């Protein structure tokens, strides 16, 4: 499942629920877990496409 779909699912699962500190904390932990799982470390010396282009556009 893609990161985008996983994040959307976190919010869809909690739609209609009253927002409590516990629910908000759980949602934040879920988002952090999803984002952490989606980060792929690059081997040393390998540059991203943005760095190779070097056009400075953000």
N, C-alpha and C. Protein backbone atom coordinates (compact mmCIF):
# COMPACT_ATOMS: atom_id res chain seq x y z
N UNK A 1 0.85 -1.17 0.00
CA UNK A 1 0.00 0.00 0.00
C UNK A 1 0.89 1.24 0.00
N UNK A 2 0.51 2.25 -0.76
CA UNK A 2 1.32 3.45 -0.86
C UNK A 2 1.18 4.28 0.41
N UNK A 3 2.14 5.17 0.61
CA UNK A 3 2.12 6.05 1.77
C UNK A 3 0.86 6.91 1.74
N UNK A 4 0.52 7.42 0.57
CA UNK A 4 -0.67 8.27 0.45
C UNK A 4 -1.94 7.53 0.86
N UNK A 5 -2.09 6.30 0.39
CA UNK A 5 -3.27 5.51 0.73
C UNK A 5 -3.29 5.16 2.22
N UNK A 6 -2.12 4.89 2.79
CA UNK A 6 -2.05 4.56 4.21
C UNK A 6 -2.46 5.75 5.07
N UNK A 7 -1.99 6.94 4.70
CA UNK A 7 -2.35 8.14 5.45
C UNK A 7 -3.84 8.42 5.32
N UNK A 8 -4.38 8.28 4.11
CA UNK A 8 -5.81 8.49 3.89
C UNK A 8 -6.62 7.51 4.73
N UNK A 9 -6.15 6.29 4.85
CA UNK A 9 -6.87 5.28 5.61
C UNK A 9 -6.91 5.64 7.10
N UNK A 10 -5.84 6.22 7.63
CA UNK A 10 -5.83 6.64 9.04
C UNK A 10 -6.96 7.62 9.29
N UNK A 11 -7.11 8.59 8.39
CA UNK A 11 -8.16 9.59 8.57
C UNK A 11 -9.55 9.01 8.32
N UNK A 12 -9.69 8.15 7.31
CA UNK A 12 -10.98 7.54 7.02
C UNK A 12 -11.46 6.68 8.17
N UNK A 13 -10.55 5.96 8.81
CA UNK A 13 -10.92 5.09 9.91
C UNK A 13 -11.43 5.88 11.12
N UNK A 14 -11.03 7.13 11.22
CA UNK A 14 -11.40 7.93 12.39
C UNK A 14 -12.44 8.99 12.09
N UNK A 15 -13.00 8.98 10.87
CA UNK A 15 -14.05 9.95 10.54
C UNK A 15 -15.28 9.66 11.40
N UNK A 16 -15.88 10.70 11.92
CA UNK A 16 -17.08 10.54 12.73
C UNK A 16 -16.79 10.31 14.19
N UNK A 17 -15.57 9.99 14.53
CA UNK A 17 -15.23 9.82 15.94
C UNK A 17 -14.95 11.17 16.57
N UNK A 18 -15.33 11.32 17.80
CA UNK A 18 -15.05 12.56 18.52
C UNK A 18 -13.55 12.64 18.76
N UNK A 19 -12.96 13.77 18.44
CA UNK A 19 -11.52 13.93 18.58
C UNK A 19 -11.16 14.09 20.05
N UNK A 20 -10.42 13.15 20.56
CA UNK A 20 -9.96 13.19 21.94
C UNK A 20 -8.44 13.20 21.90
N UNK A 21 -7.81 13.58 23.01
CA UNK A 21 -6.34 13.55 23.04
C UNK A 21 -5.77 12.16 22.72
N UNK A 22 -6.47 11.13 23.18
CA UNK A 22 -6.00 9.76 22.92
C UNK A 22 -6.08 9.43 21.44
N UNK A 23 -7.20 9.80 20.80
CA UNK A 23 -7.38 9.54 19.38
C UNK A 23 -6.36 10.33 18.56
N UNK A 24 -6.19 11.60 18.89
CA UNK A 24 -5.22 12.43 18.17
C UNK A 24 -3.81 11.87 18.33
N UNK A 25 -3.46 11.44 19.52
CA UNK A 25 -2.14 10.85 19.76
C UNK A 25 -1.94 9.58 18.96
N UNK A 26 -2.98 8.76 18.89
CA UNK A 26 -2.90 7.52 18.12
C UNK A 26 -2.75 7.79 16.63
N UNK A 27 -3.47 8.82 16.15
CA UNK A 27 -3.36 9.16 14.74
C UNK A 27 -1.96 9.67 14.41
N UNK A 28 -1.41 10.50 15.28
CA UNK A 28 -0.06 11.02 15.06
C UNK A 28 0.96 9.88 15.07
N UNK A 29 0.83 8.95 16.02
CA UNK A 29 1.74 7.80 16.05
C UNK A 29 1.62 6.97 14.78
N UNK A 30 0.39 6.79 14.29
CA UNK A 30 0.19 6.04 13.05
C UNK A 30 0.85 6.73 11.87
N UNK A 31 0.69 8.05 11.79
CA UNK A 31 1.30 8.80 10.69
C UNK A 31 2.82 8.73 10.75
N UNK A 32 3.39 8.82 11.94
CA UNK A 32 4.85 8.72 12.09
C UNK A 32 5.32 7.34 11.66
N UNK A 33 4.60 6.29 12.06
CA UNK A 33 4.97 4.92 11.66
C UNK A 33 4.92 4.76 10.14
N UNK A 34 3.86 5.31 9.52
CA UNK A 34 3.71 5.20 8.06
C UNK A 34 4.85 5.92 7.36
N UNK A 35 5.14 7.14 7.80
CA UNK A 35 6.20 7.91 7.17
C UNK A 35 7.57 7.27 7.39
N UNK A 36 7.80 6.73 8.58
CA UNK A 36 9.08 6.08 8.87
C UNK A 36 9.26 4.83 8.00
N UNK A 37 8.20 4.10 7.77
CA UNK A 37 8.28 2.90 6.94
C UNK A 37 8.48 3.25 5.48
N UNK A 38 8.03 4.43 5.07
CA UNK A 38 8.14 4.84 3.68
C UNK A 38 9.49 5.42 3.31
N UNK A 39 10.33 5.71 4.30
CA UNK A 39 11.65 6.30 4.03
C UNK A 39 12.62 5.18 3.70
N UNK A 40 13.21 5.27 2.53
CA UNK A 40 14.19 4.28 2.09
C UNK A 40 15.58 4.92 2.12
N UNK A 41 16.48 4.43 2.95
CA UNK A 41 17.83 5.01 2.95
C UNK A 41 18.54 4.75 1.63
N UNK A 42 19.29 5.73 1.16
CA UNK A 42 20.04 5.59 -0.10
C UNK A 42 21.47 5.18 0.23
N UNK A 43 22.05 4.33 -0.60
CA UNK A 43 23.46 3.98 -0.40
C UNK A 43 24.33 5.23 -0.53
N UNK A 44 25.45 5.24 0.19
CA UNK A 44 26.35 6.39 0.11
C UNK A 44 26.84 6.58 -1.31
N UNK A 45 26.95 7.84 -1.71
CA UNK A 45 27.44 8.15 -3.04
C UNK A 45 26.34 8.23 -4.08
N UNK A 46 25.15 7.73 -3.77
CA UNK A 46 24.06 7.80 -4.74
C UNK A 46 23.31 9.10 -4.53
N UNK A 47 23.19 9.89 -5.59
CA UNK A 47 22.52 11.18 -5.49
C UNK A 47 21.09 11.06 -5.98
N UNK A 48 20.24 11.91 -5.44
CA UNK A 48 18.86 11.92 -5.92
C UNK A 48 18.80 12.65 -7.25
N UNK A 49 17.72 12.48 -7.96
CA UNK A 49 17.55 13.12 -9.26
C UNK A 49 17.57 14.64 -9.11
N UNK A 50 17.01 15.17 -8.01
CA UNK A 50 16.98 16.60 -7.80
C UNK A 50 18.41 17.15 -7.68
N UNK A 51 19.28 16.42 -6.98
CA UNK A 51 20.65 16.87 -6.80
C UNK A 51 21.41 16.80 -8.12
N UNK A 52 21.11 15.80 -8.95
CA UNK A 52 21.81 15.67 -10.21
C UNK A 52 21.44 16.77 -11.18
N UNK A 53 20.15 17.17 -11.17
CA UNK A 53 19.71 18.23 -12.07
C UNK A 53 20.32 19.57 -11.66
N UNK A 54 20.35 19.84 -10.38
CA UNK A 54 20.99 21.05 -9.89
C UNK A 54 20.37 22.34 -10.42
N UNK A 55 19.07 22.34 -10.70
CA UNK A 55 18.47 23.55 -11.24
C UNK A 55 18.01 24.53 -10.17
N UNK A 56 18.03 24.14 -8.91
CA UNK A 56 17.70 25.03 -7.82
C UNK A 56 16.22 25.29 -7.63
N UNK A 57 15.36 24.66 -8.40
CA UNK A 57 13.93 24.86 -8.27
C UNK A 57 13.43 24.00 -7.12
N UNK A 58 12.65 24.61 -6.24
CA UNK A 58 12.12 23.87 -5.10
C UNK A 58 10.68 23.54 -5.33
